[in-house]
Amino acid sequence: MASSITQARAGTLYLILAGDEAVVKKSGDLLEALSSARRHVGPTGRAAQVKALVNMVMNINTAGLAEGLGLGDALGLDLAMLREVFSQTGANSRVLETDGADMQARDHDCYFSSAHAAKDSGIAVDLAKEAGVKVPVAEATLAQYRRMIEKGLGELDKSGVAELTFKGRGKA
């Protein structure tokens, strides 16, 4: 699945499915009850790869947003205004919607921990190495989430990466 706790509770998950398509179709009623959308991505193992890439991009977006807001804060910009500008431009993302205000308010209640972000980023980086593809942005993001763990911040939500980029934050 590529969704949050809130979506799981509401039965509106986005399910990434792999395996025998006939089995997936047979399970349609159950899968429909659990989700609002589903996508069959291929044979067994493909869903794990797709999920790793979803989380890799999400983690990159989260770290990038934290840097943008952290720099905006250091420049003395109004962060509510900056988030609104981001939302209307190429800086927009689902992460802006779910984590932007939390980064500003330092509200890092855990929906997807930074430790999980590090684990999943590591899986994606390993997949890239196996495929012979360079992913320097994903590697930098992995380093940020590993740094959070080293500072004792691994159980914060992934939005807690802002603690590493806002001036005066990040003290374990």
Protein backbone atom coordinates (compact mmCIF):
# COMPACT_ATOMS: atom_id res chain seq x y z
CA MET A 1 0.00 0.00 0.00
CA ALA A 2 1.03 3.57 -0.58
CA SER A 3 -1.06 5.38 1.97
CA SER A 4 -1.08 6.60 5.56
CA ILE A 5 -2.65 5.43 8.80
CA THR A 6 -5.51 7.88 8.25
CA GLN A 7 -6.34 6.31 4.88
CA ALA A 8 -6.10 2.80 6.33
CA ARG A 9 -8.64 3.70 9.02
CA ALA A 10 -10.96 5.22 6.40
CA GLY A 11 -10.65 2.26 4.01
CA THR A 12 -9.25 4.53 1.32
CA LEU A 13 -5.84 2.94 0.82
CA TYR A 14 -4.02 2.98 -2.50
CA LEU A 15 -3.00 -0.64 -3.01
CA ILE A 16 -0.08 -1.68 -5.18
CA LEU A 17 -0.71 -5.29 -6.13
CA ALA A 18 1.53 -7.94 -7.68
CA GLY A 19 1.24 -11.59 -8.45
CA ASP A 20 -1.15 -13.67 -10.49
CA GLU A 21 -3.74 -11.31 -11.95
CA ALA A 22 -6.49 -13.96 -11.69
CA VAL A 23 -5.92 -14.21 -7.94
CA VAL A 24 -6.01 -10.43 -7.64
CA LYS A 25 -9.32 -10.35 -9.53
CA LYS A 26 -10.76 -13.10 -7.29
CA SER A 27 -9.90 -10.94 -4.27
CA GLY A 28 -11.62 -7.91 -5.78
CA ASP A 29 -14.39 -7.52 -3.18
CA LEU A 30 -11.95 -7.64 -0.26
CA LEU A 31 -9.50 -5.30 -1.96
CA GLU A 32 -12.29 -2.89 -2.82
CA ALA A 33 -13.42 -2.79 0.82
CA LEU A 34 -9.89 -1.87 1.92
CA SER A 35 -9.10 0.71 -0.69
CA SER A 36 -10.27 3.51 -2.90
CA ALA A 37 -7.80 2.64 -5.66
CA ARG A 38 -5.73 -0.34 -6.71
CA ARG A 39 -3.05 -0.97 -9.31
CA HIS A 40 -1.74 -4.35 -10.43
CA VAL A 41 1.92 -3.80 -11.34
CA GLY A 42 3.05 -7.22 -12.55
CA PRO A 43 4.42 -10.48 -11.23
CA THR A 44 5.29 -11.27 -7.62
CA GLY A 45 7.99 -8.93 -6.33
CA ARG A 46 7.07 -5.94 -8.50
CA ALA A 47 4.85 -4.33 -5.86
CA ALA A 48 7.77 -4.26 -3.43
CA GLN A 49 9.92 -2.54 -6.03
CA VAL A 50 7.23 0.00 -6.87
CA LYS A 51 6.63 0.67 -3.17
CA ALA A 52 10.35 1.23 -2.64
CA LEU A 53 10.35 3.81 -5.44
CA VAL A 54 7.20 5.51 -4.10
CA ASN A 55 8.84 5.87 -0.70
CA MET A 56 12.17 6.96 -2.21
CA VAL A 57 10.47 9.84 -4.06
CA MET A 58 8.30 10.70 -1.03
CA ASN A 59 11.37 10.84 1.22
CA ILE A 60 13.24 13.01 -1.29
CA ASN A 61 10.23 15.34 -1.49
CA THR A 62 10.03 15.50 2.30
CA ALA A 63 13.72 16.33 2.73
CA GLY A 64 13.54 18.91 -0.07
CA LEU A 65 10.50 20.57 1.47
CA ALA A 66 12.25 20.70 4.85
CA GLU A 67 15.23 22.41 3.23
CA GLY A 68 13.03 24.93 1.40
CA LEU A 69 11.07 25.81 4.52
CA GLY A 70 14.19 25.82 6.69
CA LEU A 71 15.95 28.23 4.34
CA GLY A 72 12.81 30.35 4.06
CA ASP A 73 12.66 30.54 7.84
CA ALA A 74 16.34 31.53 8.05
CA LEU A 75 15.68 34.29 5.48
CA GLY A 76 12.81 35.59 7.63
CA LEU A 77 10.09 34.71 5.13
CA ASP A 78 6.54 34.09 6.28
CA LEU A 79 6.27 30.30 6.08
CA ALA A 80 2.49 30.23 5.61
CA MET A 81 2.96 32.51 2.59
CA LEU A 82 5.83 30.36 1.34
CA ARG A 83 3.78 27.16 1.65
CA GLU A 84 0.96 28.84 -0.28
CA VAL A 85 3.37 29.91 -3.05
CA PHE A 86 4.84 26.40 -3.14
CA SER A 87 1.32 24.97 -3.49
CA GLN A 88 0.65 27.08 -6.59
CA THR A 89 3.95 26.38 -8.36
CA GLY A 90 6.27 23.59 -9.39
CA ALA A 91 7.20 23.18 -5.72
CA ASN A 92 3.80 21.62 -5.00
CA SER A 93 3.64 18.04 -3.76
CA ARG A 94 1.50 15.75 -1.65
CA VAL A 95 4.19 16.07 1.02
CA LEU A 96 3.65 19.84 1.13
CA GLU A 97 -0.02 19.14 1.86
CA THR A 98 0.63 16.50 4.54
CA ASP A 99 3.83 17.75 6.19
CA GLY A 100 4.41 21.45 5.46
CA ALA A 101 2.51 22.93 8.41
CA ASP A 102 3.83 20.16 10.68
CA MET A 103 7.41 21.09 9.80
CA GLN A 104 6.76 24.70 10.68
CA ALA A 105 4.94 23.86 13.93
CA ARG A 106 7.40 21.09 14.89
CA ASP A 107 4.46 18.69 15.09
CA HIS A 108 6.09 15.37 14.22
CA ASP A 109 3.48 12.92 15.51
CA CYS A 110 4.41 9.70 13.83
CA TYR A 111 2.53 8.45 10.78
CA PHE A 112 5.66 7.19 8.98
CA SER A 113 8.77 7.25 11.13
CA SER A 114 12.10 8.66 10.08
CA ALA A 115 13.60 5.25 10.90
CA HIS A 116 11.22 3.69 8.35
CA ALA A 117 12.13 6.42 5.86
CA ALA A 118 15.80 5.49 6.30
CA LYS A 119 15.03 1.79 5.85
CA ASP A 120 12.97 2.34 2.72
CA SER A 121 15.43 4.83 1.25
CA GLY A 122 18.14 2.24 1.84
CA ILE A 123 16.12 -0.40 -0.01
CA ALA A 124 15.71 1.94 -2.99
CA VAL A 125 19.41 2.85 -3.00
CA ASP A 126 20.27 -0.86 -2.94
CA LEU A 127 17.90 -1.50 -5.86
CA ALA A 128 19.61 1.30 -7.78
CA LYS A 129 23.04 -0.22 -7.13
CA GLU A 130 21.80 -3.61 -8.35
CA ALA A 131 20.39 -1.97 -11.48
CA GLY A 132 23.57 0.05 -12.08
CA VAL A 133 21.76 3.39 -11.73
CA LYS A 134 23.15 6.41 -9.90
CA VAL A 135 20.73 8.05 -7.44
CA PRO A 136 22.71 10.80 -5.67
CA VAL A 137 19.63 12.66 -4.41
CA ALA A 138 18.23 9.45 -2.89
CA GLU A 139 21.63 8.77 -1.30
CA ALA A 140 21.72 12.27 0.21
CA THR A 141 18.18 11.80 1.53
CA LEU A 142 19.16 8.44 3.05
CA ALA A 143 22.08 10.17 4.77
CA GLN A 144 19.68 12.75 6.27
CA TYR A 145 17.36 10.09 7.68
CA ARG A 146 20.31 8.11 9.03
CA ARG A 147 21.52 11.30 10.68
CA MET A 148 18.14 11.62 12.38
CA ILE A 149 18.52 8.11 13.80
CA GLU A 150 22.05 8.95 15.04
CA LYS A 151 20.62 12.03 16.80
CA GLY A 152 17.92 9.92 18.49
CA LEU A 153 15.15 11.35 16.28
CA GLY A 154 14.32 8.19 14.34
CA GLU A 155 10.91 7.73 15.94
CA LEU A 156 9.72 11.15 14.83
CA ASP A 157 7.56 11.28 11.73
CA LYS A 158 9.49 11.66 8.46
CA SER A 159 8.53 15.36 8.61
CA GLY A 160 10.98 15.55 11.51
CA VAL A 161 13.76 15.83 8.93
CA ALA A 162 12.97 19.55 9.26
CA GLU A 163 14.71 19.37 12.63
CA LEU A 164 17.96 19.01 10.68
CA THR A 165 17.36 21.97 8.36
CA PHE A 166 15.70 24.72 10.41
CA LYS A 167 18.20 27.01 12.08
CA GLY A 168 18.53 26.31 15.80
CA ARG A 169 16.83 22.92 15.65
CA GLY A 170 18.15 19.38 15.68
CA LYS A 171 19.35 19.17 19.22
CA ALA A 172 18.85 15.59 20.41
